[in-house]
Protein backbone atom coordinates (compact mmCIF):
# COMPACT_ATOMS: atom_id res chain seq x y z
CA MET A 1 -3.69 -62.56 135.19
CA LEU A 2 -3.67 -65.07 132.36
CA SER A 3 -7.39 -65.76 132.65
CA ARG A 4 -8.21 -62.02 132.68
CA PHE A 5 -6.11 -61.49 129.57
CA THR A 6 -7.84 -64.38 127.83
CA ARG A 7 -11.26 -63.00 128.79
CA ASN A 8 -10.38 -59.64 127.29
CA ASN A 9 -9.43 -61.31 124.02
CA ASN A 10 -12.70 -63.24 124.01
CA ILE A 11 -14.63 -59.98 124.49
CA SER A 12 -12.80 -58.52 121.48
CA THR A 13 -13.73 -61.59 119.45
CA ILE A 14 -17.41 -61.17 120.38
CA LYS A 15 -17.29 -57.53 119.24
CA TYR A 16 -15.82 -58.59 115.90
CA GLN A 17 -18.54 -61.22 115.48
CA SER A 18 -21.29 -58.59 115.47
CA LEU A 19 -19.62 -57.07 112.40
CA PHE A 20 -19.10 -60.39 110.68
CA LYS A 21 -22.77 -61.39 111.01
CA LEU A 22 -23.65 -58.35 108.92
CA CYS A 23 -21.55 -59.61 106.01
CA PRO A 24 -21.84 -63.41 105.63
CA GLN A 25 -18.63 -64.75 104.16
CA LYS A 26 -20.13 -66.65 101.25
CA GLN A 27 -21.60 -63.43 99.80
CA LEU A 28 -18.38 -61.45 99.85
CA TYR A 29 -16.06 -62.99 97.30
CA THR A 30 -15.77 -65.06 94.19
CA THR A 31 -12.97 -67.37 93.10
CA THR A 32 -11.48 -67.99 89.67
CA ILE A 33 -10.94 -71.57 88.55
CA ASN A 34 -7.42 -72.57 87.37
CA LYS A 35 -5.90 -69.22 88.38
CA LYS A 36 -2.62 -69.20 90.27
CA LYS A 37 -3.65 -68.46 93.83
CA ILE A 38 -1.85 -66.35 96.42
CA VAL A 39 -2.38 -66.79 100.16
CA LEU A 40 -1.24 -64.72 103.13
CA GLY A 41 -0.41 -66.83 106.18
CA ILE A 42 -0.29 -65.48 109.76
CA GLU A 43 1.26 -67.36 112.69
CA THR A 44 1.04 -66.27 116.36
CA SER A 45 0.59 -69.56 118.20
CA CYS A 46 3.62 -69.24 120.46
CA ASP A 47 6.38 -66.64 120.76
CA ASP A 48 7.51 -65.71 117.23
CA THR A 49 5.33 -63.38 115.15
CA SER A 50 5.38 -64.47 111.52
CA ALA A 51 3.62 -63.86 108.22
CA ALA A 52 4.30 -65.12 104.69
CA ILE A 53 2.88 -65.08 101.19
CA VAL A 54 2.93 -68.30 99.15
CA THR A 55 1.55 -69.16 95.72
CA SER A 56 -0.18 -72.32 94.53
CA ASP A 57 2.78 -73.04 92.21
CA ARG A 58 5.02 -73.37 95.29
CA GLN A 59 6.68 -69.96 95.27
CA ILE A 60 7.45 -68.30 98.60
CA LEU A 61 7.04 -64.64 97.69
CA SER A 62 7.99 -63.34 101.13
CA GLU A 63 8.30 -64.21 104.79
CA VAL A 64 8.85 -62.01 107.84
CA VAL A 65 9.57 -63.30 111.34
CA LYS A 66 9.85 -61.17 114.45
CA SER A 67 11.57 -63.06 117.25
CA GLN A 68 10.80 -62.51 120.92
CA GLN A 69 13.87 -64.32 122.26
CA GLU A 70 15.29 -61.28 124.05
CA MET A 71 11.99 -60.80 125.86
CA HIS A 72 11.63 -64.35 127.15
CA GLU A 73 15.15 -65.63 127.75
CA PRO A 74 15.65 -63.65 131.01
CA MET A 75 12.48 -65.31 132.28
CA GLY A 76 13.88 -68.81 131.63
CA GLY A 77 11.14 -69.70 129.15
CA ILE A 78 8.15 -68.39 127.24
CA VAL A 79 5.70 -66.25 129.24
CA PRO A 80 2.33 -66.45 127.40
CA THR A 81 1.04 -63.00 128.38
CA LEU A 82 4.31 -61.34 127.36
CA ALA A 83 4.25 -63.26 124.07
CA SER A 84 0.73 -62.00 123.38
CA LEU A 85 1.76 -58.41 124.01
CA GLY A 86 4.70 -58.91 121.67
CA HIS A 87 2.39 -60.20 118.93
CA SER A 88 0.06 -57.23 119.39
CA ARG A 89 3.00 -54.86 119.09
CA HIS A 90 4.68 -56.48 116.07
CA LEU A 91 1.96 -58.10 113.93
CA PRO A 92 0.74 -54.99 112.03
CA ASN A 93 4.25 -54.14 110.82
CA VAL A 94 5.04 -57.80 110.11
CA ILE A 95 2.02 -58.09 107.81
CA CYS A 96 2.80 -54.79 106.05
CA GLU A 97 6.42 -55.77 105.51
CA THR A 98 5.37 -59.18 104.18
CA LEU A 99 3.14 -57.53 101.57
CA ASP A 100 5.85 -55.03 100.66
CA ARG A 101 8.54 -57.69 100.20
CA ALA A 102 6.24 -59.72 97.96
CA ASN A 103 5.39 -56.56 95.99
CA VAL A 104 1.66 -57.28 96.27
CA SER A 105 -1.29 -55.53 97.86
CA ILE A 106 -4.05 -57.06 99.93
CA ALA A 107 -6.22 -56.89 96.80
CA ASP A 108 -3.92 -59.42 95.11
CA ILE A 109 -4.38 -61.94 97.92
CA ASP A 110 -6.86 -64.77 97.23
CA ALA A 111 -7.31 -65.86 100.86
CA ILE A 112 -6.01 -65.25 104.37
CA ALA A 113 -4.88 -68.22 106.43
CA VAL A 114 -4.15 -68.06 110.14
CA THR A 115 -3.25 -70.42 112.93
CA ARG A 116 -6.46 -71.22 114.80
CA GLY A 117 -4.88 -73.72 117.18
CA PRO A 118 -3.46 -75.49 119.00
CA GLY A 119 -1.31 -72.92 120.75
CA LEU A 120 -1.03 -70.56 123.71
CA PRO A 121 -4.46 -69.18 124.67
CA PRO A 122 -3.35 -65.52 124.96
CA CYS A 123 -1.42 -65.62 121.66
CA LEU A 124 -3.80 -67.24 119.18
CA PRO A 125 -6.48 -64.46 119.28
CA VAL A 126 -3.97 -61.82 118.20
CA GLY A 127 -3.39 -63.48 114.85
CA LEU A 128 -6.95 -64.72 114.39
CA ASN A 129 -8.61 -61.38 115.10
CA ALA A 130 -6.21 -59.63 112.70
CA ALA A 131 -6.89 -62.22 109.99
CA LYS A 132 -10.67 -62.03 110.45
CA THR A 133 -10.63 -58.26 110.21
CA LEU A 134 -8.43 -58.26 107.09
CA ALA A 135 -10.57 -60.92 105.44
CA ALA A 136 -13.90 -59.28 106.25
CA VAL A 137 -12.92 -55.75 105.27
CA ASN A 138 -11.26 -56.88 102.04
CA LYS A 139 -13.87 -59.51 101.17
CA LYS A 140 -11.42 -62.42 101.19
CA PRO A 141 -11.91 -66.07 102.20
CA LEU A 142 -10.72 -66.95 105.70
CA ILE A 143 -9.02 -70.24 106.52
CA GLY A 144 -8.34 -71.29 110.12
CA VAL A 145 -5.34 -73.61 110.05
CA HIS A 146 -4.49 -76.45 112.41
CA HIS A 147 -0.89 -75.87 113.50
CA MET A 148 0.03 -79.57 113.35
CA GLU A 149 -1.53 -80.04 109.93
CA ALA A 150 0.54 -77.11 108.69
CA HIS A 151 3.74 -78.79 109.88
CA ALA A 152 2.70 -82.05 108.22
CA LEU A 153 1.87 -80.40 104.90
CA THR A 154 5.06 -78.32 104.63
CA ALA A 155 6.85 -81.24 102.96
CA ARG A 156 4.31 -81.06 100.13
CA LEU A 157 5.46 -77.48 99.48
CA THR A 158 9.18 -78.23 99.32
CA THR A 159 9.12 -81.84 98.04
CA PRO A 160 5.84 -82.85 96.37
CA THR A 161 4.73 -85.84 98.45
CA SER A 162 1.67 -87.97 97.82
CA PHE A 163 -0.71 -89.22 100.49
CA PRO A 164 -0.55 -91.39 102.52
CA PHE A 165 2.69 -90.68 104.38
CA MET A 166 3.89 -90.89 107.98
CA THR A 167 4.85 -87.65 109.67
CA LEU A 168 6.88 -87.10 112.83
CA LEU A 169 6.75 -83.68 114.45
CA ILE A 170 9.60 -83.12 116.91
CA SER A 171 9.84 -79.66 118.46
CA GLY A 172 9.96 -77.77 121.72
CA GLY A 173 6.23 -78.15 122.21
CA HIS A 174 5.42 -81.42 120.47
CA THR A 175 6.52 -84.99 119.87
CA LEU A 176 3.77 -86.31 117.63
CA LEU A 177 3.59 -89.24 115.21
CA LEU A 178 0.82 -89.31 112.59
CA THR A 179 -0.28 -91.06 109.44
CA ALA A 180 -1.46 -88.47 106.91
CA ASN A 181 -4.12 -90.26 104.84
CA GLY A 182 -5.27 -87.12 103.05
CA LEU A 183 -5.99 -83.46 103.59
CA GLY A 184 -7.81 -83.19 106.91
CA ASP A 185 -7.53 -86.95 107.49
CA TYR A 186 -4.93 -87.94 110.08
CA ASP A 187 -4.47 -90.90 112.39
CA GLN A 188 -2.56 -90.08 115.54
CA LEU A 189 -0.24 -92.99 116.29
CA GLY A 190 1.57 -91.66 119.33
CA THR A 191 2.56 -88.56 121.26
CA THR A 192 4.63 -87.68 124.32
CA LEU A 193 3.35 -88.77 127.70
CA ASP A 194 5.12 -85.86 129.40
CA THR A 195 7.83 -83.59 128.02
CA ALA A 196 8.39 -82.87 124.32
CA VAL A 197 11.82 -83.85 122.98
CA GLY A 198 12.68 -80.27 122.05
CA GLU A 199 11.85 -79.02 125.54
CA ALA A 200 14.04 -81.74 127.07
CA ILE A 201 16.92 -80.79 124.76
CA ASP A 202 16.59 -77.10 125.61
CA LYS A 203 16.54 -77.76 129.36
CA VAL A 204 19.55 -80.07 129.24
CA ALA A 205 21.43 -77.49 127.15
CA ARG A 206 20.67 -74.87 129.80
CA ALA A 207 21.71 -77.26 132.58
CA LEU A 208 25.03 -77.76 130.75
CA LYS A 209 25.31 -73.94 130.56
CA LEU A 210 25.92 -74.00 126.82
CA ASP A 211 26.30 -70.69 125.02
CA TRP A 212 23.48 -70.20 122.52
CA GLU A 213 23.58 -66.47 121.96
CA GLY A 214 22.27 -65.58 118.51
CA GLN A 215 20.36 -68.86 118.16
CA SER A 216 16.59 -69.27 118.22
CA SER A 217 16.87 -71.94 120.95
CA PRO A 218 19.55 -73.80 122.95
CA GLY A 219 19.11 -76.93 120.79
CA PRO A 220 21.78 -76.11 118.16
CA ALA A 221 24.29 -75.46 120.97
CA LEU A 222 23.70 -78.96 122.34
CA GLU A 223 24.13 -80.42 118.85
CA ARG A 224 27.49 -78.64 118.48
CA ALA A 225 28.67 -79.85 121.88
CA ALA A 226 27.53 -83.40 121.09
CA SER A 227 29.57 -83.40 117.87
CA ARG A 228 32.72 -83.04 120.01
CA GLY A 229 31.74 -85.64 122.58
CA ASP A 230 31.86 -89.40 123.18
CA PRO A 231 28.27 -90.72 123.34
CA THR A 232 29.36 -93.98 125.00
CA ARG A 233 31.01 -92.50 128.08
CA PHE A 234 27.80 -91.88 130.04
CA GLN A 235 25.35 -94.78 129.96
CA LEU A 236 21.81 -93.45 129.92
CA PRO A 237 18.68 -95.65 129.92
CA ILE A 238 16.49 -95.49 126.82
CA PRO A 239 12.97 -94.51 127.96
CA MET A 240 10.16 -97.06 127.74
CA LEU A 241 12.47 -99.85 126.65
CA GLN A 242 11.79 -102.15 129.61
CA ARG A 243 8.16 -101.40 130.40
CA ASN A 244 5.76 -100.33 127.62
CA LYS A 245 8.27 -101.38 124.96
CA SER A 246 5.49 -102.20 122.51
CA VAL A 247 3.53 -98.97 123.15
CA ILE A 248 3.80 -96.26 120.50
CA ALA A 249 4.39 -93.26 122.73
CA PHE A 250 7.27 -91.09 123.90
CA SER A 251 8.64 -90.00 127.26
CA PHE A 252 11.54 -87.64 127.95
CA SER A 253 10.86 -86.28 131.45
CA GLY A 254 12.62 -89.08 133.35
CA LEU A 255 15.61 -88.99 131.02
CA LYS A 256 15.92 -85.22 131.40
CA THR A 257 15.79 -85.46 135.19
CA SER A 258 18.43 -88.22 135.26
CA VAL A 259 20.78 -86.16 133.09
CA GLU A 260 20.31 -83.05 135.23
CA ARG A 261 21.33 -85.06 138.31
CA LEU A 262 24.39 -86.47 136.57
CA ILE A 263 25.38 -82.98 135.49
CA GLN A 264 25.44 -81.86 139.11
CA ASP A 265 27.51 -84.84 140.25
CA GLN A 266 29.81 -85.77 137.37
CA VAL A 267 30.09 -82.98 134.81
CA LYS A 268 33.01 -80.72 135.65
CA THR A 269 35.11 -80.10 132.52
CA GLU A 270 34.38 -79.00 128.97
CA GLN A 271 34.92 -82.57 127.75
CA ASP A 272 32.46 -83.80 130.37
CA ILE A 273 29.92 -81.35 128.93
CA ASN A 274 30.52 -82.56 125.38
CA ASP A 275 30.31 -86.23 126.35
CA MET A 276 27.08 -85.72 128.29
CA ALA A 277 25.55 -83.78 125.40
CA ALA A 278 26.49 -86.59 123.00
CA ALA A 279 25.10 -89.31 125.29
CA PHE A 280 21.83 -87.46 125.86
CA GLN A 281 21.35 -86.69 122.16
CA LEU A 282 21.97 -90.30 121.13
CA THR A 283 19.58 -91.61 123.79
CA CYS A 284 16.81 -89.30 122.55
CA ILE A 285 17.40 -90.50 119.00
CA ARG A 286 17.36 -94.18 119.95
CA HIS A 287 14.10 -93.72 121.85
CA ILE A 288 12.42 -92.05 118.87
CA GLU A 289 13.91 -94.60 116.49
CA GLN A 290 12.53 -97.55 118.48
CA LYS A 291 9.01 -96.12 118.59
CA LEU A 292 9.14 -95.09 114.95
CA ARG A 293 9.98 -98.64 113.88
CA LEU A 294 6.95 -99.89 115.82
CA ALA A 295 4.73 -97.40 114.01
CA LEU A 296 6.11 -98.18 110.55
CA HIS A 297 5.68 -101.91 111.16
CA GLN A 298 2.10 -101.36 112.32
CA GLU A 299 1.10 -99.17 109.36
CA MET A 300 3.06 -100.73 106.50
CA ILE A 301 3.25 -104.40 107.48
CA MET A 302 0.17 -105.04 109.62
CA ASN A 303 -2.23 -102.46 108.15
CA LYS A 304 -0.66 -102.67 104.66
CA LYS A 305 -0.80 -98.92 104.08
CA PRO A 306 1.23 -97.88 101.01
CA LEU A 307 3.13 -95.07 102.74
CA THR A 308 5.07 -92.92 100.29
CA ALA A 309 7.48 -91.21 102.72
CA LEU A 310 8.51 -90.46 106.27
CA VAL A 311 8.10 -86.71 106.78
CA VAL A 312 9.94 -85.18 109.74
CA SER A 313 9.41 -81.56 110.74
CA GLY A 314 9.70 -79.30 113.78
CA GLY A 315 12.72 -77.52 115.19
CA VAL A 316 14.50 -80.73 116.24
CA ALA A 317 14.28 -81.98 112.63
CA SER A 318 17.08 -79.55 111.75
CA ASN A 319 19.49 -81.64 113.89
CA LYS A 320 21.82 -83.45 111.46
CA MET A 321 22.29 -86.51 113.69
CA PHE A 322 18.52 -86.93 114.05
CA ARG A 323 18.11 -86.68 110.28
CA SER A 324 20.84 -89.20 109.59
CA LYS A 325 19.43 -91.83 111.96
CA LEU A 326 15.82 -91.30 110.84
CA GLU A 327 16.88 -91.60 107.20
CA GLN A 328 18.29 -95.05 108.02
CA VAL A 329 14.98 -96.05 109.62
CA ALA A 330 13.00 -94.86 106.60
CA GLY A 331 15.40 -96.64 104.25
CA SER A 332 14.86 -99.95 106.05
CA TYR A 333 11.19 -99.71 104.96
CA ASP A 334 12.07 -98.57 101.42
CA ILE A 335 10.59 -95.10 101.78
CA PRO A 336 12.40 -91.75 101.57
CA LEU A 337 12.95 -89.36 104.45
CA VAL A 338 11.50 -85.95 103.60
CA CYS A 339 12.50 -82.97 105.73
CA PRO A 340 11.65 -79.35 104.96
CA PRO A 341 14.62 -76.95 104.91
CA PRO A 342 15.74 -76.06 108.45
CA GLN A 343 14.21 -72.57 108.26
CA LEU A 344 10.80 -74.17 107.62
CA CYS A 345 11.09 -76.77 110.38
CA THR A 346 10.30 -74.30 113.16
CA ASP A 347 6.99 -72.41 113.48
CA ASN A 348 6.62 -70.06 110.52
CA GLY A 349 4.10 -68.21 108.38
CA VAL A 350 5.05 -70.14 105.24
CA MET A 351 3.58 -73.39 106.54
CA ILE A 352 0.35 -71.60 107.50
CA ALA A 353 0.05 -70.02 104.05
CA TRP A 354 0.72 -73.35 102.30
CA ALA A 355 -1.79 -75.24 104.46
CA GLY A 356 -4.25 -72.47 103.68
CA LEU A 357 -3.60 -72.93 99.96
CA GLU A 358 -4.23 -76.67 100.13
CA ARG A 359 -7.48 -76.11 102.01
CA LEU A 360 -8.51 -73.24 99.70
CA GLU A 361 -8.13 -75.42 96.62
CA ALA A 362 -10.15 -78.16 98.34
CA GLY A 363 -12.92 -75.69 99.17
CA LEU A 364 -12.35 -75.95 102.92
CA LEU A 365 -13.10 -72.42 104.11
CA ASP A 366 -14.22 -70.97 107.44
CA GLU A 367 -16.77 -68.42 108.58
CA TYR A 368 -15.63 -65.09 109.96
CA THR A 369 -17.13 -66.08 113.33
CA ILE A 370 -14.60 -68.83 114.14
CA THR A 371 -12.74 -68.58 117.43
CA THR A 372 -9.44 -70.00 118.63
CA LEU A 373 -8.97 -73.64 119.65
CA PRO A 374 -5.96 -73.78 122.02
CA LYS A 375 -6.53 -77.53 122.41
CA TRP A 376 -7.50 -79.04 119.08
CA PRO A 377 -7.02 -82.78 118.43
CA ILE A 378 -5.85 -83.18 114.85
CA GLU A 379 -8.05 -86.23 114.32
CA SER A 380 -11.11 -83.99 114.79
CA LEU A 381 -10.38 -82.45 111.37
CA LYS A 382 -12.01 -85.53 109.85
CA GLU A 383 -15.38 -84.25 111.02
CA LYS A 384 -15.22 -81.42 108.46
CA ASN A 385 -13.33 -83.27 105.75
CA PRO A 386 -15.51 -83.65 102.63
CA LEU A 387 -12.93 -85.57 100.62
């Protein structure tokens, strides 16, 4: 079913391309130098449908997010085909509401940015096809945004940060450590070998049967439980500390499985739940901290890169304990910890619009014929980077 759905989206894309070939992008619009620019960003890479309008002087004029939590939670996780149908249902109204809240029309928009990848194959075409159509019909530049680059650049919207800096993305779908040398120029230092830290946190929270009604994910519920627990009561092994200690990579699958077994055997009371949550959270932090120190030593000491900051984003970055410990790590290397506000740590249209603005001002535009890239290594951006 998934492959058939994806094929149908590809057929739609091919139909759009016949229109776009009739109106080459470079002939459709002009840009004004030194004018404050306004970009519409569209995000449909996973389950939430989001759009936002951001200006080049760092104003967020509007943002609208339509959650699909009620649709997916009964299924025990995100179902890609259902998420795609949700995007198709909600995106038109989300875009209209975003324009209305910003009190602008599509004519006022200087460019349209959209998540091109990576992401779920059935979901990405919904946003991209909408963005291509809007851009072509209204003669606007189109910018296909790399989802990970958007996360990395969000800090430059909220706290002006100069390149180069190190960025750690910790979310339900990613655990990724990069050096951002410049726009479109990233060195991947390490990623997860199995499960992302956010996914592990969500699954342990569910195994502990924590109440997370009204939250976007179970993660905040685990953080609350951990704040009431003793992290020393249950001794959990830090991943990759015995073997592969010097490898910059992450692993959470074995830890998650060990905790789930302990929950079945030893967790009976509410205090047991709190203590296990605290122990698991601290172990995740220590694992990330150990690998982060390796990366900072490699880049700043061995490679002598003048990093200006440690940027941490993604849903897990809103966890106060994670922030506190990572701030200590950054401080030991005399660089600040920069975290976007919690509402901008998760997937959102604001980060897509801002990444689009940065690429627009650098002249990095795309043709209307681009297609989605569900798997898109961030280092491949260097191939198109003219800077």
